[in-house]
Structure formats: C-alpha cells, structure tokens
C-alpha cells in the first residue's frame, strides 16, 4: 500500500522530471530556430550540445522532497557572499572533435577553480576517467572556463552547483562530446552521488558530456549516468555550502544561484 508520504514523494519526483523535460524541449526548439536563422543569413554556426543534469529525486525513507530542504531565499533578501569577478571576458571557443589524449593516465592530476566565492580544489580521477580528465586539462589550458559563471544551483531533491557553460544558459559546450566513464565508481552506492563529488552533466543520453559539470555539496540521489571524475577538498566543500546557503533565484529549488559564482581561473596540474 502506498502511504500518503510516499505519494507526496512520487508527485515531487514527477514534477521535477516534467520541469526538466520542458526545459530540454525548449532548448531543442531554440537550437532549431537558431539554425534556420543562421542558414538564411549565410552564417555558419558551430552547434554545441545541450548539457544539463536531469536527475530525478529517488524515494527516500527519511523524508520527502519538501521536508528535507529549506526553501531558497529571494535574491533581494540575500547578501551576495562572493567577491567581485576578476577583470576579463569569456572566450567562447569550440572545436570539431575531442582532443587527443595527452595526459599521463598513471599520474595524479588536480584541478583548481579560483572562484569569486573562494578556491575549490578537486582531486581528479585520472585512471578511471582519462577522457574526461584529458578534456578538462585541454579546456583549462585554453582558458575555456575562465570568467564563466556557474549558472545553476539546485537545492531541492538534488544538491548541486552546475558550471562549465561559457554562455551561462545551460546549453553551451565545446563543440565536441566525450564518452561516459567510471559509472561504476565505488563511491556511488545506492544511486547516491555523495557530497564532494564532481561529475559531468549531459543531455540524459549516453556519451553526451561536453564541458558542463556539477559539484555535489550534499548527498544527492541520482541514477549512475553522470561520469564522476573528481573529489572536492574539505575547504572547497565549505565554499560550496556557502554558495548553497545563499539559495537560488526562483525560490523553487532550481535556478541561478543568488551568489555571483564566477570562475576567475581554472587550472589543471599534474602532481
């Protein structure tokens, strides 16, 4: 028998999924419209893959979606906890194909996101996700992530900050895709991405990762469909929680962060 609480959780999951489906459909229509406009004007536009984390909240015996999160405060009621962004502008670069693997698969690599809210240090899972780590090494080296905003904060059902889109819209990418990797990582137990995980966003289809990624600041129940490729340091997790505490701009648990999160500089280093 389905209890009232279970029914509430089911409705919350269904609502969350419908929202993501509507957003995906809207982005698809926008891409088609833009392609038509480009052909009329004779402009060649390099298309990018829409990368979006579309996880559905799974059933949790402890509480339902509305009970285990605090509603986000409105932007006007929240003081921005972050500093002013460094001078510079985003370079919207694209490439036709995935870069050749040049990293040392047996070596350790780290990524540092120097953000307006504080530094986020990430230990990368090189041997388990070589295509992903190599791509980030390549993109960071080209300054691809520099001056980009983290465009999405989710505080209801899943608990993630999403970054890596130079357009800041959730539909940008580097022009190429990379394969899914490490989906059986030992850290992913019972379909939970634990706090501190860094994983690839995608279109919900296999092998559609590009440049967008999400940082998990609280255990989040998601299907193991998003390449986990890094682990955030304790200090970095503190920065993430500060960002999350400021909430997002819709008040519904999924929108742009109230904190102005800009990646001033992203670097990948072999250690």
C-alpha atoms as a PDB file:
ATOM      1  CA  UNK A   1       0.000   0.000   0.000  1.00  0.00           C
ATOM      2  CA  UNK A   2       1.287   3.461  -0.924  1.00  0.00           C
ATOM      3  CA  UNK A   3       1.315   5.795   2.046  1.00  0.00           C
ATOM      4  CA  UNK A   4       0.440   9.471   1.840  1.00  0.00           C
ATOM      5  CA  UNK A   5       4.066  10.395   2.401  1.00  0.00           C
ATOM      6  CA  UNK A   6       5.216   8.077  -0.402  1.00  0.00           C
ATOM      7  CA  UNK A   7       2.598   9.577  -2.706  1.00  0.00           C
ATOM      8  CA  UNK A   8       3.907  13.090  -1.921  1.00  0.00           C
ATOM      9  CA  UNK A   9       7.430  11.990  -2.796  1.00  0.00           C
ATOM     10  CA  UNK A  10       6.224  10.429  -6.022  1.00  0.00           C
ATOM     11  CA  UNK A  11       4.431  13.644  -7.019  1.00  0.00           C
ATOM     12  CA  UNK A  12       7.559  15.666  -6.229  1.00  0.00           C
ATOM     13  CA  UNK A  13       9.651  13.399  -8.444  1.00  0.00           C
ATOM     14  CA  UNK A  14       7.164  13.591 -11.286  1.00  0.00           C
ATOM     15  CA  UNK A  15       7.005  17.397 -11.066  1.00  0.00           C
ATOM     16  CA  UNK A  16      10.802  17.658 -11.109  1.00  0.00           C
ATOM     17  CA  UNK A  17      11.024  15.393 -14.184  1.00  0.00           C
ATOM     18  CA  UNK A  18       8.346  17.377 -16.043  1.00  0.00           C
ATOM     19  CA  UNK A  19      10.275  20.594 -15.411  1.00  0.00           C
ATOM     20  CA  UNK A  20      13.444  19.116 -16.878  1.00  0.00           C
ATOM     21  CA  UNK A  21      11.585  17.724 -19.901  1.00  0.00           C
ATOM     22  CA  UNK A  22      10.031  21.127 -20.621  1.00  0.00           C
ATOM     23  CA  UNK A  23      13.422  22.810 -20.396  1.00  0.00           C
ATOM     24  CA  UNK A  24      15.023  20.246 -22.697  1.00  0.00           C
ATOM     25  CA  UNK A  25      12.195  20.705 -25.234  1.00  0.00           C
ATOM     26  CA  UNK A  26      12.541  24.498 -25.104  1.00  0.00           C
ATOM     27  CA  UNK A  27      16.277  24.331 -25.688  1.00  0.00           C
ATOM     28  CA  UNK A  28      15.788  21.927 -28.612  1.00  0.00           C
ATOM     29  CA  UNK A  29      13.287  24.299 -30.264  1.00  0.00           C
ATOM     30  CA  UNK A  30      15.639  27.232 -29.724  1.00  0.00           C
ATOM     31  CA  UNK A  31      18.502  25.373 -31.406  1.00  0.00           C
ATOM     32  CA  UNK A  32      16.340  24.531 -34.413  1.00  0.00           C
ATOM     33  CA  UNK A  33      15.183  28.155 -34.686  1.00  0.00           C
ATOM     34  CA  UNK A  34      18.734  29.437 -34.476  1.00  0.00           C
ATOM     35  CA  UNK A  35      19.875  27.012 -37.175  1.00  0.00           C
ATOM     36  CA  UNK A  36      17.203  28.296 -39.553  1.00  0.00           C
ATOM     37  CA  UNK A  37      18.166  31.911 -38.887  1.00  0.00           C
ATOM     38  CA  UNK A  38      21.830  31.087 -39.448  1.00  0.00           C
ATOM     39  CA  UNK A  39      21.174  29.420 -42.801  1.00  0.00           C
ATOM     40  CA  UNK A  40      19.140  32.416 -44.029  1.00  0.00           C
ATOM     41  CA  UNK A  41      21.902  34.832 -43.123  1.00  0.00           C
ATOM     42  CA  UNK A  42      24.588  32.583 -44.529  1.00  0.00           C
ATOM     43  CA  UNK A  43      26.330  32.370 -41.190  1.00  0.00           C
ATOM     44  CA  UNK A  44      27.936  29.109 -40.174  1.00  0.00           C
ATOM     45  CA  UNK A  45      27.297  28.420 -36.532  1.00  0.00           C
ATOM     46  CA  UNK A  46      29.127  25.670 -34.742  1.00  0.00           C
ATOM     47  CA  UNK A  47      26.454  23.873 -32.769  1.00  0.00           C
ATOM     48  CA  UNK A  48      27.007  22.882 -29.195  1.00  0.00           C
ATOM     49  CA  UNK A  49      25.471  20.012 -27.294  1.00  0.00           C
ATOM     50  CA  UNK A  50      22.980  20.962 -24.609  1.00  0.00           C
ATOM     51  CA  UNK A  51      24.379  19.646 -21.356  1.00  0.00           C
ATOM     52  CA  UNK A  52      22.026  19.534 -18.456  1.00  0.00           C
ATOM     53  CA  UNK A  53      21.807  17.408 -15.337  1.00  0.00           C
ATOM     54  CA  UNK A  54      18.343  15.864 -15.374  1.00  0.00           C
ATOM     55  CA  UNK A  55      18.297  13.745 -12.258  1.00  0.00           C
ATOM     56  CA  UNK A  56      15.021  12.654 -10.714  1.00  0.00           C
ATOM     57  CA  UNK A  57      14.769  12.609  -6.929  1.00  0.00           C
ATOM     58  CA  UNK A  58      14.593   8.983  -5.780  1.00  0.00           C
ATOM     59  CA  UNK A  59      12.495   7.774  -2.900  1.00  0.00           C
ATOM     60  CA  UNK A  60      13.998   8.456   0.493  1.00  0.00           C
ATOM     61  CA  UNK A  61      12.567   6.681   3.508  1.00  0.00           C
ATOM     62  CA  UNK A  62      13.600   9.514   5.796  1.00  0.00           C
ATOM     63  CA  UNK A  63      11.737  12.431   4.271  1.00  0.00           C
ATOM     64  CA  UNK A  64      10.090  13.744   1.152  1.00  0.00           C
ATOM     65  CA  UNK A  65      11.478  16.437  -1.128  1.00  0.00           C
ATOM     66  CA  UNK A  66       9.629  19.297   0.530  1.00  0.00           C
ATOM     67  CA  UNK A  67      10.707  18.297   4.003  1.00  0.00           C
ATOM     68  CA  UNK A  68      14.430  17.717   3.543  1.00  0.00           C
ATOM     69  CA  UNK A  69      15.370  21.100   2.122  1.00  0.00           C
ATOM     70  CA  UNK A  70      14.937  24.694   3.158  1.00  0.00           C
ATOM     71  CA  UNK A  71      13.242  26.931   0.564  1.00  0.00           C
ATOM     72  CA  UNK A  72      15.664  29.266  -1.137  1.00  0.00           C
ATOM     73  CA  UNK A  73      15.570  32.876  -0.082  1.00  0.00           C
ATOM     74  CA  UNK A  74      14.661  35.507  -2.657  1.00  0.00           C
ATOM     75  CA  UNK A  75      17.595  37.388  -4.237  1.00  0.00           C
ATOM     76  CA  UNK A  76      16.583  40.675  -2.602  1.00  0.00           C
ATOM     77  CA  UNK A  77      16.709  39.103   0.857  1.00  0.00           C
ATOM     78  CA  UNK A  78      20.181  37.594   0.496  1.00  0.00           C
ATOM     79  CA  UNK A  79      23.565  39.279   0.710  1.00  0.00           C
ATOM     80  CA  UNK A  80      25.873  38.076  -2.026  1.00  0.00           C
ATOM     81  CA  UNK A  81      28.659  36.186  -0.199  1.00  0.00           C
ATOM     82  CA  UNK A  82      31.057  36.402  -3.129  1.00  0.00           C
ATOM     83  CA  UNK A  83      33.601  38.952  -4.298  1.00  0.00           C
ATOM     84  CA  UNK A  84      33.689  40.969  -7.494  1.00  0.00           C
ATOM     85  CA  UNK A  85      34.864  38.997 -10.524  1.00  0.00           C
ATOM     86  CA  UNK A  86      38.347  39.489 -11.896  1.00  0.00           C
ATOM     87  CA  UNK A  87      38.697  41.628 -15.000  1.00  0.00           C
ATOM     88  CA  UNK A  88      38.339  39.751 -18.254  1.00  0.00           C
ATOM     89  CA  UNK A  89      35.778  38.222 -20.564  1.00  0.00           C
ATOM     90  CA  UNK A  90      34.679  34.764 -21.592  1.00  0.00           C
ATOM     91  CA  UNK A  91      36.209  33.288 -24.732  1.00  0.00           C
ATOM     92  CA  UNK A  92      33.526  31.170 -26.378  1.00  0.00           C
ATOM     93  CA  UNK A  93      35.729  28.640 -28.103  1.00  0.00           C
ATOM     94  CA  UNK A  94      34.640  25.495 -29.941  1.00  0.00           C
ATOM     95  CA  UNK A  95      36.380  22.531 -31.514  1.00  0.00           C
ATOM     96  CA  UNK A  96      35.196  19.944 -34.011  1.00  0.00           C
ATOM     97  CA  UNK A  97      36.395  16.861 -32.158  1.00  0.00           C
ATOM     98  CA  UNK A  98      37.586  15.632 -28.790  1.00  0.00           C
ATOM     99  CA  UNK A  99      41.272  16.418 -28.217  1.00  0.00           C
ATOM    100  CA  UNK A 100      43.756  13.571 -28.415  1.00  0.00           C
ATOM    101  CA  UNK A 101      44.677  12.138 -25.033  1.00  0.00           C
ATOM    102  CA  UNK A 102      47.965  13.656 -23.911  1.00  0.00           C
ATOM    103  CA  UNK A 103      47.754  13.248 -20.144  1.00  0.00           C
ATOM    104  CA  UNK A 104      49.694  10.607 -18.253  1.00  0.00           C
ATOM    105  CA  UNK A 105      46.972   8.154 -17.274  1.00  0.00           C
ATOM    106  CA  UNK A 106      49.080   6.803 -14.423  1.00  0.00           C
ATOM    107  CA  UNK A 107      49.749  10.224 -12.864  1.00  0.00           C
ATOM    108  CA  UNK A 108      47.741  12.245 -10.370  1.00  0.00           C
ATOM    109  CA  UNK A 109      46.084  15.459 -11.516  1.00  0.00           C
ATOM    110  CA  UNK A 110      44.282  18.180  -9.607  1.00  0.00           C
ATOM    111  CA  UNK A 111      42.002  20.968 -10.763  1.00  0.00           C
ATOM    112  CA  UNK A 112      41.726  24.319  -9.036  1.00  0.00           C
ATOM    113  CA  UNK A 113      38.713  26.552  -9.578  1.00  0.00           C
ATOM    114  CA  UNK A 114      39.642  30.020  -8.376  1.00  0.00           C
ATOM    115  CA  UNK A 115      36.149  31.450  -7.949  1.00  0.00           C
ATOM    116  CA  UNK A 116      34.746  34.718  -6.673  1.00  0.00           C
ATOM    117  CA  UNK A 117      33.454  32.786  -3.662  1.00  0.00           C
ATOM    118  CA  UNK A 118      36.725  31.041  -2.800  1.00  0.00           C
ATOM    119  CA  UNK A 119      39.029  28.373  -4.191  1.00  0.00           C
ATOM    120  CA  UNK A 120      37.645  24.922  -4.923  1.00  0.00           C
ATOM    121  CA  UNK A 121      40.360  22.265  -5.175  1.00  0.00           C
ATOM    122  CA  UNK A 122      39.497  18.963  -6.832  1.00  0.00           C
ATOM    123  CA  UNK A 123      41.454  15.701  -6.940  1.00  0.00           C
ATOM    124  CA  UNK A 124      40.825  14.213 -10.394  1.00  0.00           C
ATOM    125  CA  UNK A 125      40.230  10.512 -11.070  1.00  0.00           C
ATOM    126  CA  UNK A 126      42.692  10.239 -13.928  1.00  0.00           C
ATOM    127  CA  UNK A 127      42.951   6.492 -14.435  1.00  0.00           C
ATOM    128  CA  UNK A 128      39.202   5.920 -14.007  1.00  0.00           C
ATOM    129  CA  UNK A 129      38.099   8.790 -16.288  1.00  0.00           C
ATOM    130  CA  UNK A 130      41.005   9.555 -18.661  1.00  0.00           C
ATOM    131  CA  UNK A 131      38.885  11.070 -21.464  1.00  0.00           C
ATOM    132  CA  UNK A 132      37.182  13.423 -19.021  1.00  0.00           C
ATOM    133  CA  UNK A 133      40.341  14.479 -17.211  1.00  0.00           C
ATOM    134  CA  UNK A 134      42.181  14.940 -20.517  1.00  0.00           C
ATOM    135  CA  UNK A 135      39.339  17.125 -21.814  1.00  0.00           C
ATOM    136  CA  UNK A 136      39.424  19.324 -18.706  1.00  0.00           C
ATOM    137  CA  UNK A 137      43.204  19.584 -18.932  1.00  0.00           C
ATOM    138  CA  UNK A 138      42.821  20.703 -22.551  1.00  0.00           C
ATOM    139  CA  UNK A 139      39.973  23.159 -21.939  1.00  0.00           C
ATOM    140  CA  UNK A 140      41.547  24.683 -18.824  1.00  0.00           C
ATOM    141  CA  UNK A 141      44.788  25.142 -20.737  1.00  0.00           C
ATOM    142  CA  UNK A 142      42.897  27.101 -23.395  1.00  0.00           C
ATOM    143  CA  UNK A 143      41.288  29.359 -20.777  1.00  0.00           C
ATOM    144  CA  UNK A 144      37.876  27.961 -21.692  1.00  0.00           C
ATOM    145  CA  UNK A 145      36.447  28.144 -18.164  1.00  0.00           C
ATOM    146  CA  UNK A 146      37.973  31.487 -17.206  1.00  0.00           C
ATOM    147  CA  UNK A 147      35.449  34.231 -16.333  1.00  0.00           C
ATOM    148  CA  UNK A 148      32.480  31.849 -16.744  1.00  0.00           C
ATOM    149  CA  UNK A 149      29.528  31.860 -14.343  1.00  0.00           C
ATOM    150  CA  UNK A 150      28.203  28.817 -12.553  1.00  0.00           C
ATOM    151  CA  UNK A 151      24.677  29.088 -13.900  1.00  0.00           C
ATOM    152  CA  UNK A 152      22.576  26.603 -11.932  1.00  0.00           C
ATOM    153  CA  UNK A 153      22.034  25.779  -8.270  1.00  0.00           C
ATOM    154  CA  UNK A 154      19.657  23.015  -7.217  1.00  0.00           C
ATOM    155  CA  UNK A 155      18.542  22.937  -3.585  1.00  0.00           C
ATOM    156  CA  UNK A 156      15.570  20.594  -3.802  1.00  0.00           C
ATOM    157  CA  UNK A 157      15.808  16.856  -4.451  1.00  0.00           C
ATOM    158  CA  UNK A 158      19.403  17.016  -5.624  1.00  0.00           C
ATOM    159  CA  UNK A 159      22.015  19.374  -4.223  1.00  0.00           C
ATOM    160  CA  UNK A 160      24.406  20.565  -6.887  1.00  0.00           C
ATOM    161  CA  UNK A 161      26.084  23.622  -8.363  1.00  0.00           C
ATOM    162  CA  UNK A 162      26.445  23.399 -12.138  1.00  0.00           C
ATOM    163  CA  UNK A 163      29.236  25.160 -14.029  1.00  0.00           C
ATOM    164  CA  UNK A 164      31.258  24.945 -17.235  1.00  0.00           C
ATOM    165  CA  UNK A 165      28.997  26.709 -19.761  1.00  0.00           C
ATOM    166  CA  UNK A 166      30.582  29.816 -21.327  1.00  0.00           C
ATOM    167  CA  UNK A 167      27.144  31.001 -22.461  1.00  0.00           C
ATOM    168  CA  UNK A 168      25.733  30.816 -18.931  1.00  0.00           C
ATOM    169  CA  UNK A 169      22.474  29.388 -20.294  1.00  0.00           C
ATOM    170  CA  UNK A 170      22.851  25.658 -19.722  1.00  0.00           C
ATOM    171  CA  UNK A 171      23.052  24.942 -23.461  1.00  0.00           C
ATOM    172  CA  UNK A 172      26.712  25.721 -24.207  1.00  0.00           C
ATOM    173  CA  UNK A 173      29.548  23.331 -24.860  1.00  0.00           C
ATOM    174  CA  UNK A 174      32.953  22.947 -26.532  1.00  0.00           C
ATOM    175  CA  UNK A 175      31.564  21.583 -29.821  1.00  0.00           C
ATOM    176  CA  UNK A 176      32.583  18.002 -29.097  1.00  0.00           C
ATOM    177  CA  UNK A 177      31.399  15.315 -26.717  1.00  0.00           C
ATOM    178  CA  UNK A 178      33.255  12.755 -24.621  1.00  0.00           C
ATOM    179  CA  UNK A 179      32.280   9.226 -23.595  1.00  0.00           C
ATOM    180  CA  UNK A 180      30.766   8.349 -20.234  1.00  0.00           C
ATOM    181  CA  UNK A 181      33.304   6.891 -17.826  1.00  0.00           C
ATOM    182  CA  UNK A 182      33.602   5.477 -14.329  1.00  0.00           C
ATOM    183  CA  UNK A 183      29.845   4.909 -13.891  1.00  0.00           C
ATOM    184  CA  UNK A 184      30.566   2.017 -11.531  1.00  0.00           C
ATOM    185  CA  UNK A 185      32.762   4.072  -9.234  1.00  0.00           C
ATOM    186  CA  UNK A 186      32.835   2.552  -5.771  1.00  0.00           C
ATOM    187  CA  UNK A 187      31.762   5.885  -4.262  1.00  0.00           C
ATOM    188  CA  UNK A 188      28.351   5.619  -5.955  1.00  0.00           C
ATOM    189  CA  UNK A 189      26.300   3.444  -3.621  1.00  0.00           C
ATOM    190  CA  UNK A 190      22.521   3.003  -3.804  1.00  0.00           C
ATOM    191  CA  UNK A 191      22.305   5.584  -6.602  1.00  0.00           C
ATOM    192  CA  UNK A 192      23.743   8.316  -4.398  1.00  0.00           C
ATOM    193  CA  UNK A 193      26.356  10.818  -5.533  1.00  0.00           C
ATOM    194  CA  UNK A 194      27.973  11.721  -2.203  1.00  0.00           C
ATOM    195  CA  UNK A 195      28.815  15.249  -1.127  1.00  0.00           C
ATOM    196  CA  UNK A 196      32.163  16.265  -2.587  1.00  0.00           C
ATOM    197  CA  UNK A 197      31.643  14.527  -5.925  1.00  0.00           C
ATOM    198  CA  UNK A 198      32.370  16.294  -9.203  1.00  0.00           C
ATOM    199  CA  UNK A 199      30.553  14.776 -12.173  1.00  0.00           C
ATOM    200  CA  UNK A 200      29.746  15.517 -15.795  1.00  0.00           C
ATOM    201  CA  UNK A 201      26.425  16.954 -16.846  1.00  0.00           C
ATOM    202  CA  UNK A 202      24.838  15.546 -20.000  1.00  0.00           C
ATOM    203  CA  UNK A 203      21.670  15.566 -22.097  1.00  0.00           C
ATOM    204  CA  UNK A 204      20.420  12.394 -20.362  1.00  0.00           C
ATOM    205  CA  UNK A 205      21.639  10.419 -23.375  1.00  0.00           C
ATOM    206  CA  UNK A 206      24.807   8.259 -23.281  1.00  0.00           C
ATOM    207  CA  UNK A 207      28.153   9.814 -24.187  1.00  0.00           C
ATOM    208  CA  UNK A 208      26.909  13.410 -24.423  1.00  0.00           C
ATOM    209  CA  UNK A 209      29.227  15.051 -21.899  1.00  0.00           C
ATOM    210  CA  UNK A 210      30.969  18.231 -23.049  1.00  0.00           C
ATOM    211  CA  UNK A 211      32.232  20.953 -20.713  1.00  0.00           C
ATOM    212  CA  UNK A 212      29.442  21.326 -18.158  1.00  0.00           C
ATOM    213  CA  UNK A 213      29.899  19.678 -14.789  1.00  0.00           C
ATOM    214  CA  UNK A 214      28.274  19.717 -11.390  1.00  0.00           C
ATOM    215  CA  UNK A 215      29.639  19.862  -7.868  1.00  0.00           C
ATOM    216  CA  UNK A 216      27.691  17.991  -5.214  1.00  0.00           C
ATOM    217  CA  UNK A 217      27.511  19.792  -1.862  1.00  0.00           C
ATOM    218  CA  UNK A 218      25.124  17.335  -0.180  1.00  0.00           C
ATOM    219  CA  UNK A 219      24.416  13.655  -0.837  1.00  0.00           C
ATOM    220  CA  UNK A 220      22.170  13.505  -3.913  1.00  0.00           C
ATOM    221  CA  UNK A 221      20.191  10.568  -5.211  1.00  0.00           C
ATOM    222  CA  UNK A 222      20.725  10.250  -8.955  1.00  0.00           C
ATOM    223  CA  UNK A 223      20.959   7.398 -11.448  1.00  0.00           C
ATOM    224  CA  UNK A 224      24.607   6.442 -12.141  1.00  0.00           C
ATOM    225  CA  UNK A 225      24.552   8.138 -15.554  1.00  0.00           C
ATOM    226  CA  UNK A 226      26.902  11.058 -14.897  1.00  0.00           C
ATOM    227  CA  UNK A 227      30.655  10.481 -15.053  1.00  0.00           C
ATOM    228  CA  UNK A 228      32.168  11.039 -11.586  1.00  0.00           C
ATOM    229  CA  UNK A 229      35.666  12.361 -12.248  1.00  0.00           C
ATOM    230  CA  UNK A 230      36.781  14.243  -9.141  1.00  0.00           C
ATOM    231  CA  UNK A 231      36.556  14.754  -5.398  1.00  0.00           C
ATOM    232  CA  UNK A 232      36.342  18.186  -3.779  1.00  0.00           C
ATOM    233  CA  UNK A 233      38.605  19.110  -0.895  1.00  0.00           C
ATOM    234  CA  UNK A 234      37.140  19.859   2.544  1.00  0.00           C
ATOM    235  CA  UNK A 235      37.900  23.568   2.085  1.00  0.00           C
ATOM    236  CA  UNK A 236      36.261  23.549  -1.314  1.00  0.00           C
ATOM    237  CA  UNK A 237      33.167  21.878   0.095  1.00  0.00           C
ATOM    238  CA  UNK A 238      32.909  24.692   2.644  1.00  0.00           C
ATOM    239  CA  UNK A 239      32.914  27.193  -0.219  1.00  0.00           C
ATOM    240  CA  UNK A 240      30.173  25.231  -1.983  1.00  0.00           C
ATOM    241  CA  UNK A 241      27.987  25.166   1.101  1.00  0.00           C
ATOM    242  CA  UNK A 242      28.367  28.937   1.456  1.00  0.00           C
ATOM    243  CA  UNK A 243      27.111  29.313  -2.108  1.00  0.00           C
ATOM    244  CA  UNK A 244      24.216  26.938  -1.482  1.00  0.00           C
ATOM    245  CA  UNK A 245      23.227  28.756   1.706  1.00  0.00           C
ATOM    246  CA  UNK A 246      22.547  31.902  -0.332  1.00  0.00           C
ATOM    247  CA  UNK A 247      19.924  29.961  -2.313  1.00  0.00           C
ATOM    248  CA  UNK A 248      18.758  30.300  -5.899  1.00  0.00           C
ATOM    249  CA  UNK A 249      16.705  32.933  -7.660  1.00  0.00           C
ATOM    250  CA  UNK A 250      13.408  31.120  -8.301  1.00  0.00           C
ATOM    251  CA  UNK A 251      12.570  30.098  -4.753  1.00  0.00           C
ATOM    252  CA  UNK A 252      11.502  26.733  -6.174  1.00  0.00           C
ATOM    253  CA  UNK A 253      14.796  24.962  -5.561  1.00  0.00           C
ATOM    254  CA  UNK A 254      16.282  25.073  -9.064  1.00  0.00           C
ATOM    255  CA  UNK A 255      17.616  28.225 -10.701  1.00  0.00           C
ATOM    256  CA  UNK A 256      20.548  30.593 -10.938  1.00  0.00           C
ATOM    257  CA  UNK A 257      22.464  30.936  -7.671  1.00  0.00           C
ATOM    258  CA  UNK A 258      21.895  34.127  -5.704  1.00  0.00           C
ATOM    259  CA  UNK A 259      25.632  34.153  -5.082  1.00  0.00           C
ATOM    260  CA  UNK A 260      27.583  35.510  -8.051  1.00  0.00           C
ATOM    261  CA  UNK A 261      29.757  32.468  -8.698  1.00  0.00           C
ATOM    262  CA  UNK A 262      32.353  33.214 -11.364  1.00  0.00           C
ATOM    263  CA  UNK A 263      35.327  31.003 -12.154  1.00  0.00           C
ATOM    264  CA  UNK A 264      38.097  33.593 -12.448  1.00  0.00           C
ATOM    265  CA  UNK A 265      40.618  30.930 -13.422  1.00  0.00           C
ATOM    266  CA  UNK A 266      40.594  27.139 -13.822  1.00  0.00           C
ATOM    267  CA  UNK A 267      43.871  25.233 -13.810  1.00  0.00           C
ATOM    268  CA  UNK A 268      44.685  21.537 -14.083  1.00  0.00           C
ATOM    269  CA  UNK A 269      48.033  20.464 -12.665  1.00  0.00           C
ATOM    270  CA  UNK A 270      49.940  17.203 -12.800  1.00  0.00           C
ATOM    271  CA  UNK A 271      51.213  16.332  -9.336  1.00  0.00           C
END
